Amino acid sequence: MTREEIKRQVTKDTLLSARKNTGRGFVPVGISNRHVHLTQAAVEALFGPGHQLTPMKALSQPGQFACEEKVTVEGPKGKLSGLRVLGPVRKDTQVELSVTDAFAAGIKPVVRMSGDIAGTPGCRLTGPCGSLELKEGVIVAARHLHISPEQAAVYGLKSGDQVRLRSEGPRAVVFEHVAVRSGTGHDLEVHIDFDEANCAQMKNGDLLEII
């Protein structure tokens, strides 16, 4: 376990203790930058036959990692370069943008939960070895709370619930309709994108309170 992983675990243990002792529930923020999830077929189309994703660093959610690989997303009005690929490979290729990113590329922003891509806009993906036309798969990720089953039991939550989260500070906001995602491979963290974080002047690791 790395120093950063130990730090995160200590913080989460502290939050769980606070929930048990005070009844107040706080969750740490993880800010998602624009990124891409790829199928193995898409990896090979963009980076060459037989190519395997190259892990760069572990992410906060178990088993997830940022890759060395990057791609360019092209929409009707413009290109977005340097989108990081996240691993491992998935069964569907998915591009996650902020509303600001979508407008810049000329892509209609459609808010969806990750994995729910039916009927969403497409785009063109370009890598060092080729390009790929997506008929669908571009989303603005709906804000969501990752939480393990053990953590969810402490917080009195279950997968599929929705919660309201409040920030503090000079630009305090309440985030409505935050979907709870619980199960194997989830760990306590709420995911919002850069537009949402900038709105509330938040940074990674800041806390939101469940209200």
C-alpha atoms as a PDB file:
ATOM      1  CA  MET A   1       0.000   0.000   0.000  1.00  0.00           C
ATOM      2  CA  THR A   2       1.423   3.381  -1.000  1.00  0.00           C
ATOM      3  CA  ARG A   3       1.726   6.411   1.286  1.00  0.00           C
ATOM      4  CA  GLU A   4      -1.179   8.065  -0.568  1.00  0.00           C
ATOM      5  CA  GLU A   5      -3.347   4.959  -0.208  1.00  0.00           C
ATOM      6  CA  ILE A   6      -2.595   4.833   3.521  1.00  0.00           C
ATOM      7  CA  LYS A   7      -3.512   8.515   3.843  1.00  0.00           C
ATOM      8  CA  ARG A   8      -6.821   7.960   2.056  1.00  0.00           C
ATOM      9  CA  GLN A   9      -7.633   4.937   4.217  1.00  0.00           C
ATOM     10  CA  VAL A  10      -6.932   6.810   7.445  1.00  0.00           C
ATOM     11  CA  THR A  11      -9.198   9.624   6.278  1.00  0.00           C
ATOM     12  CA  LYS A  12     -12.010   7.210   5.410  1.00  0.00           C
ATOM     13  CA  ASP A  13     -11.689   5.388   8.724  1.00  0.00           C
ATOM     14  CA  THR A  14     -11.972   8.779  10.457  1.00  0.00           C
ATOM     15  CA  LEU A  15     -15.105   9.609   8.470  1.00  0.00           C
ATOM     16  CA  LEU A  16     -16.673   6.257   9.347  1.00  0.00           C
ATOM     17  CA  SER A  17     -15.921   6.845  13.036  1.00  0.00           C
ATOM     18  CA  ALA A  18     -17.466  10.310  12.834  1.00  0.00           C
ATOM     19  CA  ARG A  19     -20.605   8.836  11.287  1.00  0.00           C
ATOM     20  CA  LYS A  20     -20.905   6.269  14.073  1.00  0.00           C
ATOM     21  CA  ASN A  21     -20.206   8.781  16.862  1.00  0.00           C
ATOM     22  CA  THR A  22     -22.049  11.880  15.679  1.00  0.00           C
ATOM     23  CA  GLY A  23     -24.512  10.705  13.046  1.00  0.00           C
ATOM     24  CA  ARG A  24     -23.104  13.194  10.547  1.00  0.00           C
ATOM     25  CA  GLY A  25     -21.955  11.752   7.234  1.00  0.00           C
ATOM     26  CA  PHE A  26     -19.089  13.281   5.265  1.00  0.00           C
ATOM     27  CA  VAL A  27     -17.622  11.990   1.996  1.00  0.00           C
ATOM     28  CA  PRO A  28     -14.383  12.957   0.230  1.00  0.00           C
ATOM     29  CA  VAL A  29     -14.489  14.481  -3.239  1.00  0.00           C
ATOM     30  CA  GLY A  30     -12.769  13.068  -6.304  1.00  0.00           C
ATOM     31  CA  ILE A  31     -12.781  15.413  -9.292  1.00  0.00           C
ATOM     32  CA  SER A  32     -12.984  13.659 -12.648  1.00  0.00           C
ATOM     33  CA  ASN A  33     -11.195  15.229 -15.581  1.00  0.00           C
ATOM     34  CA  ARG A  34     -12.263  14.309 -19.111  1.00  0.00           C
ATOM     35  CA  HIS A  35     -11.186  10.782 -19.950  1.00  0.00           C
ATOM     36  CA  VAL A  36     -11.896   7.697 -22.053  1.00  0.00           C
ATOM     37  CA  HIS A  37     -12.679   4.051 -21.341  1.00  0.00           C
ATOM     38  CA  LEU A  38     -11.853   1.641 -24.180  1.00  0.00           C
ATOM     39  CA  THR A  39     -12.657  -1.897 -25.239  1.00  0.00           C
ATOM     40  CA  GLN A  40      -9.704  -4.089 -26.169  1.00  0.00           C
ATOM     41  CA  ALA A  41     -10.738  -3.825 -29.816  1.00  0.00           C
ATOM     42  CA  ALA A  42     -10.683  -0.017 -29.536  1.00  0.00           C
ATOM     43  CA  VAL A  43      -7.260  -0.132 -27.853  1.00  0.00           C
ATOM     44  CA  GLU A  44      -5.874  -2.066 -30.800  1.00  0.00           C
ATOM     45  CA  ALA A  45      -7.565   0.160 -33.362  1.00  0.00           C
ATOM     46  CA  LEU A  46      -6.028   3.261 -31.799  1.00  0.00           C
ATOM     47  CA  PHE A  47      -2.656   1.956 -30.575  1.00  0.00           C
ATOM     48  CA  GLY A  48      -1.891  -1.019 -32.791  1.00  0.00           C
ATOM     49  CA  PRO A  49      -2.607  -4.762 -32.982  1.00  0.00           C
ATOM     50  CA  GLY A  50      -1.994  -6.610 -29.723  1.00  0.00           C
ATOM     51  CA  HIS A  51      -1.456  -3.414 -27.739  1.00  0.00           C
ATOM     52  CA  GLN A  52      -2.136  -3.615 -24.003  1.00  0.00           C
ATOM     53  CA  LEU A  53      -2.906  -0.604 -21.825  1.00  0.00           C
ATOM     54  CA  THR A  54       0.071   0.675 -19.841  1.00  0.00           C
ATOM     55  CA  PRO A  55      -0.798   1.482 -16.197  1.00  0.00           C
ATOM     56  CA  MET A  56       0.607   4.830 -15.028  1.00  0.00           C
ATOM     57  CA  LYS A  57      -0.904   5.157 -11.544  1.00  0.00           C
ATOM     58  CA  ALA A  58      -3.623   3.604  -9.424  1.00  0.00           C
ATOM     59  CA  LEU A  59      -6.878   5.510  -8.968  1.00  0.00           C
ATOM     60  CA  SER A  60      -8.959   5.784  -5.813  1.00  0.00           C
ATOM     61  CA  GLN A  61     -11.414   3.070  -6.847  1.00  0.00           C
ATOM     62  CA  PRO A  62     -10.070  -0.484  -6.407  1.00  0.00           C
ATOM     63  CA  GLY A  63      -8.636  -1.993  -9.572  1.00  0.00           C
ATOM     64  CA  GLN A  64      -8.912   1.218 -11.604  1.00  0.00           C
ATOM     65  CA  PHE A  65      -5.850   2.948 -13.048  1.00  0.00           C
ATOM     66  CA  ALA A  66      -4.797   5.842 -15.255  1.00  0.00           C
ATOM     67  CA  CYS A  67      -2.869   4.793 -18.332  1.00  0.00           C
ATOM     68  CA  GLU A  68       0.054   6.230 -20.226  1.00  0.00           C
ATOM     69  CA  GLU A  69      -2.102   6.204 -23.368  1.00  0.00           C
ATOM     70  CA  LYS A  70      -3.943   9.334 -24.516  1.00  0.00           C
ATOM     71  CA  VAL A  71      -6.342  10.005 -27.382  1.00  0.00           C
ATOM     72  CA  THR A  72      -7.899  12.938 -29.230  1.00  0.00           C
ATOM     73  CA  VAL A  73     -11.678  13.393 -29.308  1.00  0.00           C
ATOM     74  CA  GLU A  74     -13.154  15.150 -32.322  1.00  0.00           C
ATOM     75  CA  GLY A  75     -16.669  16.542 -32.554  1.00  0.00           C
ATOM     76  CA  PRO A  76     -18.478  18.653 -35.154  1.00  0.00           C
ATOM     77  CA  LYS A  77     -16.887  21.908 -33.970  1.00  0.00           C
ATOM     78  CA  GLY A  78     -13.504  21.027 -32.568  1.00  0.00           C
ATOM     79  CA  LYS A  79     -10.940  18.639 -31.113  1.00  0.00           C
ATOM     80  CA  LEU A  80     -10.020  17.853 -27.521  1.00  0.00           C
ATOM     81  CA  SER A  81      -6.468  16.568 -27.302  1.00  0.00           C
ATOM     82  CA  GLY A  82      -4.718  14.552 -24.635  1.00  0.00           C
ATOM     83  CA  LEU A  83      -7.651  12.697 -23.073  1.00  0.00           C
ATOM     84  CA  ARG A  84      -6.279  10.126 -20.667  1.00  0.00           C
ATOM     85  CA  VAL A  85      -7.324   6.503 -21.111  1.00  0.00           C
ATOM     86  CA  LEU A  86      -8.422   4.795 -17.887  1.00  0.00           C
ATOM     87  CA  GLY A  87      -8.125   1.066 -17.337  1.00  0.00           C
ATOM     88  CA  PRO A  88      -8.835  -1.729 -17.269  1.00  0.00           C
ATOM     89  CA  VAL A  89     -10.517  -2.273 -20.631  1.00  0.00           C
ATOM     90  CA  ARG A  90     -14.326  -2.325 -20.648  1.00  0.00           C
ATOM     91  CA  LYS A  91     -17.047  -3.996 -22.671  1.00  0.00           C
ATOM     92  CA  ASP A  92     -18.080  -0.652 -24.204  1.00  0.00           C
ATOM     93  CA  THR A  93     -16.029   2.368 -25.250  1.00  0.00           C
ATOM     94  CA  GLN A  94     -17.110   5.491 -23.366  1.00  0.00           C
ATOM     95  CA  VAL A  95     -15.953   9.116 -23.456  1.00  0.00           C
ATOM     96  CA  GLU A  96     -16.609  11.242 -20.344  1.00  0.00           C
ATOM     97  CA  LEU A  97     -16.594  15.020 -20.788  1.00  0.00           C
ATOM     98  CA  SER A  98     -17.719  18.044 -18.810  1.00  0.00           C
ATOM     99  CA  VAL A  99     -20.476  20.223 -20.256  1.00  0.00           C
ATOM    100  CA  THR A 100     -17.806  22.819 -21.092  1.00  0.00           C
ATOM    101  CA  ASP A 101     -15.784  20.188 -22.989  1.00  0.00           C
ATOM    102  CA  ALA A 102     -18.861  19.028 -24.893  1.00  0.00           C
ATOM    103  CA  PHE A 103     -19.712  22.556 -25.998  1.00  0.00           C
ATOM    104  CA  ALA A 104     -16.123  23.128 -27.141  1.00  0.00           C
ATOM    105  CA  ALA A 105     -16.263  20.036 -29.349  1.00  0.00           C
ATOM    106  CA  GLY A 106     -19.774  20.727 -30.599  1.00  0.00           C
ATOM    107  CA  ILE A 107     -21.200  17.607 -28.956  1.00  0.00           C
ATOM    108  CA  LYS A 108     -24.609  17.716 -27.276  1.00  0.00           C
ATOM    109  CA  PRO A 109     -24.041  17.222 -23.513  1.00  0.00           C
ATOM    110  CA  VAL A 110     -26.060  14.236 -22.302  1.00  0.00           C
ATOM    111  CA  VAL A 111     -25.926  13.456 -18.567  1.00  0.00           C
ATOM    112  CA  ARG A 112     -25.829   9.707 -17.919  1.00  0.00           C
ATOM    113  CA  MET A 113     -24.544   7.230 -15.394  1.00  0.00           C
ATOM    114  CA  SER A 114     -21.368   5.496 -16.505  1.00  0.00           C
ATOM    115  CA  GLY A 115     -22.214   2.521 -18.698  1.00  0.00           C
ATOM    116  CA  ASP A 116     -25.583   3.890 -19.825  1.00  0.00           C
ATOM    117  CA  ILE A 117     -24.602   4.964 -23.337  1.00  0.00           C
ATOM    118  CA  ALA A 118     -27.563   3.880 -25.491  1.00  0.00           C
ATOM    119  CA  GLY A 119     -28.714   6.784 -27.646  1.00  0.00           C
ATOM    120  CA  THR A 120     -25.886   9.111 -26.604  1.00  0.00           C
ATOM    121  CA  PRO A 121     -23.838  11.172 -29.097  1.00  0.00           C
ATOM    122  CA  GLY A 122     -20.788   9.782 -30.821  1.00  0.00           C
ATOM    123  CA  CYS A 123     -17.436  11.229 -31.835  1.00  0.00           C
ATOM    124  CA  ARG A 124     -14.182  10.407 -33.575  1.00  0.00           C
ATOM    125  CA  LEU A 125     -11.314   9.027 -31.489  1.00  0.00           C
ATOM    126  CA  THR A 126      -7.754   9.257 -32.780  1.00  0.00           C
ATOM    127  CA  GLY A 127      -4.669   7.568 -31.408  1.00  0.00           C
ATOM    128  CA  PRO A 128      -1.109   7.207 -32.686  1.00  0.00           C
ATOM    129  CA  CYS A 129      -1.956   4.221 -34.895  1.00  0.00           C
ATOM    130  CA  GLY A 130      -5.466   4.905 -36.138  1.00  0.00           C
ATOM    131  CA  SER A 131      -8.901   6.422 -35.695  1.00  0.00           C
ATOM    132  CA  LEU A 132     -12.269   5.119 -34.581  1.00  0.00           C
ATOM    133  CA  GLU A 133     -15.757   6.448 -35.299  1.00  0.00           C
ATOM    134  CA  LEU A 134     -18.116   6.064 -32.344  1.00  0.00           C
ATOM    135  CA  LYS A 135     -21.834   6.086 -33.100  1.00  0.00           C
ATOM    136  CA  GLU A 136     -22.552   6.589 -29.386  1.00  0.00           C
ATOM    137  CA  GLY A 137     -20.720   6.683 -26.082  1.00  0.00           C
ATOM    138  CA  VAL A 138     -20.059  10.345 -25.225  1.00  0.00           C
ATOM    139  CA  ILE A 139     -21.560  11.304 -21.864  1.00  0.00           C
ATOM    140  CA  VAL A 140     -21.402  13.905 -19.121  1.00  0.00           C
ATOM    141  CA  ALA A 141     -21.147  11.624 -16.095  1.00  0.00           C
ATOM    142  CA  ALA A 142     -23.953  11.981 -13.584  1.00  0.00           C
ATOM    143  CA  ARG A 143     -22.557  12.814 -10.148  1.00  0.00           C
ATOM    144  CA  HIS A 144     -22.315   9.689  -8.040  1.00  0.00           C
ATOM    145  CA  LEU A 145     -21.093   8.352  -4.708  1.00  0.00           C
ATOM    146  CA  HIS A 146     -18.899   5.267  -4.634  1.00  0.00           C
ATOM    147  CA  ILE A 147     -19.190   3.327  -1.385  1.00  0.00           C
ATOM    148  CA  SER A 148     -18.354  -0.231  -0.336  1.00  0.00           C
ATOM    149  CA  PRO A 149     -21.094  -2.426   1.165  1.00  0.00           C
ATOM    150  CA  GLU A 150     -19.429  -2.187   4.585  1.00  0.00           C
ATOM    151  CA  GLN A 151     -19.226   1.605   4.385  1.00  0.00           C
ATOM    152  CA  ALA A 152     -22.789   1.804   3.067  1.00  0.00           C
ATOM    153  CA  ALA A 153     -24.020  -0.100   6.116  1.00  0.00           C
ATOM    154  CA  VAL A 154     -22.439   2.529   8.388  1.00  0.00           C
ATOM    155  CA  TYR A 155     -23.982   5.365   6.371  1.00  0.00           C
ATOM    156  CA  GLY A 156     -27.370   3.669   6.092  1.00  0.00           C
ATOM    157  CA  LEU A 157     -27.217   3.629   2.291  1.00  0.00           C
ATOM    158  CA  LYS A 158     -27.634   1.093  -0.487  1.00  0.00           C
ATOM    159  CA  SER A 159     -26.886   1.009  -4.188  1.00  0.00           C
ATOM    160  CA  GLY A 160     -29.525   2.900  -6.139  1.00  0.00           C
ATOM    161  CA  ASP A 161     -30.254   5.442  -3.396  1.00  0.00           C
ATOM    162  CA  GLN A 162     -29.919   9.148  -4.107  1.00  0.00           C
ATOM    163  CA  VAL A 163     -28.466  11.632  -1.635  1.00  0.00           C
ATOM    164  CA  ARG A 164     -28.004  15.385  -1.346  1.00  0.00           C
ATOM    165  CA  LEU A 165     -24.493  16.665  -0.566  1.00  0.00           C
ATOM    166  CA  ARG A 166     -23.591  20.097   0.780  1.00  0.00           C
ATOM    167  CA  SER A 167     -20.305  21.945   0.461  1.00  0.00           C
ATOM    168  CA  GLU A 168     -19.045  24.755   2.662  1.00  0.00           C
ATOM    169  CA  GLY A 169     -17.154  27.947   1.927  1.00  0.00           C
ATOM    170  CA  PRO A 170     -17.823  31.199   0.060  1.00  0.00           C
ATOM    171  CA  ARG A 171     -19.436  29.351  -2.859  1.00  0.00           C
ATOM    172  CA  ALA A 172     -21.332  26.723  -0.867  1.00  0.00           C
ATOM    173  CA  VAL A 173     -23.696  24.602  -2.924  1.00  0.00           C
ATOM    174  CA  VAL A 174     -25.983  21.606  -2.516  1.00  0.00           C
ATOM    175  CA  PHE A 175     -25.517  18.832  -5.061  1.00  0.00           C
ATOM    176  CA  GLU A 176     -28.864  17.151  -5.699  1.00  0.00           C
ATOM    177  CA  HIS A 177     -29.568  13.688  -7.115  1.00  0.00           C
ATOM    178  CA  VAL A 178     -26.228  12.091  -6.268  1.00  0.00           C
ATOM    179  CA  ALA A 179     -26.563   8.412  -7.153  1.00  0.00           C
ATOM    180  CA  VAL A 180     -25.185   5.841  -4.698  1.00  0.00           C
ATOM    181  CA  ARG A 181     -23.096   3.098  -6.302  1.00  0.00           C
ATOM    182  CA  SER A 182     -22.217   0.320  -3.882  1.00  0.00           C
ATOM    183  CA  GLY A 183     -20.703  -3.115  -4.342  1.00  0.00           C
ATOM    184  CA  THR A 184     -17.429  -4.887  -4.969  1.00  0.00           C
ATOM    185  CA  GLY A 185     -14.864  -2.498  -6.391  1.00  0.00           C
ATOM    186  CA  HIS A 186     -16.279   0.654  -4.780  1.00  0.00           C
ATOM    187  CA  ASP A 187     -14.693   2.756  -2.032  1.00  0.00           C
ATOM    188  CA  LEU A 188     -15.927   5.907  -0.270  1.00  0.00           C
ATOM    189  CA  GLU A 189     -15.667   8.888  -2.624  1.00  0.00           C
ATOM    190  CA  VAL A 190     -18.079  11.156  -4.485  1.00  0.00           C
ATOM    191  CA  HIS A 191     -17.220  11.883  -8.118  1.00  0.00           C
ATOM    192  CA  ILE A 192     -17.984  15.249  -9.684  1.00  0.00           C
ATOM    193  CA  ASP A 193     -16.464  16.838 -12.771  1.00  0.00           C
ATOM    194  CA  PHE A 194     -14.386  20.006 -13.154  1.00  0.00           C
ATOM    195  CA  ASP A 195     -17.395  22.206 -13.961  1.00  0.00           C
ATOM    196  CA  GLU A 196     -19.102  21.151 -10.747  1.00  0.00           C
ATOM    197  CA  ALA A 197     -15.925  21.460  -8.677  1.00  0.00           C
ATOM    198  CA  ASN A 198     -15.152  24.929  -9.997  1.00  0.00           C
ATOM    199  CA  CYS A 199     -18.719  26.030  -9.261  1.00  0.00           C
ATOM    200  CA  ALA A 200     -18.182  25.218  -5.583  1.00  0.00           C
ATOM    201  CA  GLN A 201     -14.434  26.035  -5.482  1.00  0.00           C
ATOM    202  CA  MET A 202     -13.609  22.475  -4.413  1.00  0.00           C
ATOM    203  CA  LYS A 203     -10.474  20.409  -4.802  1.00  0.00           C
ATOM    204  CA  ASN A 204      -9.674  16.718  -4.507  1.00  0.00           C
ATOM    205  CA  GLY A 205     -10.063  15.465  -0.953  1.00  0.00           C
ATOM    206  CA  ASP A 206     -12.442  18.207   0.200  1.00  0.00           C
ATOM    207  CA  LEU A 207     -15.475  16.983   2.094  1.00  0.00           C
ATOM    208  CA  LEU A 208     -19.179  17.129   1.317  1.00  0.00           C
ATOM    209  CA  GLU A 209     -21.799  16.434   3.961  1.00  0.00           C
ATOM    210  CA  ILE A 210     -24.768  14.158   3.335  1.00  0.00           C
ATOM    211  CA  ILE A 211     -27.909  16.104   4.181  1.00  0.00           C
END
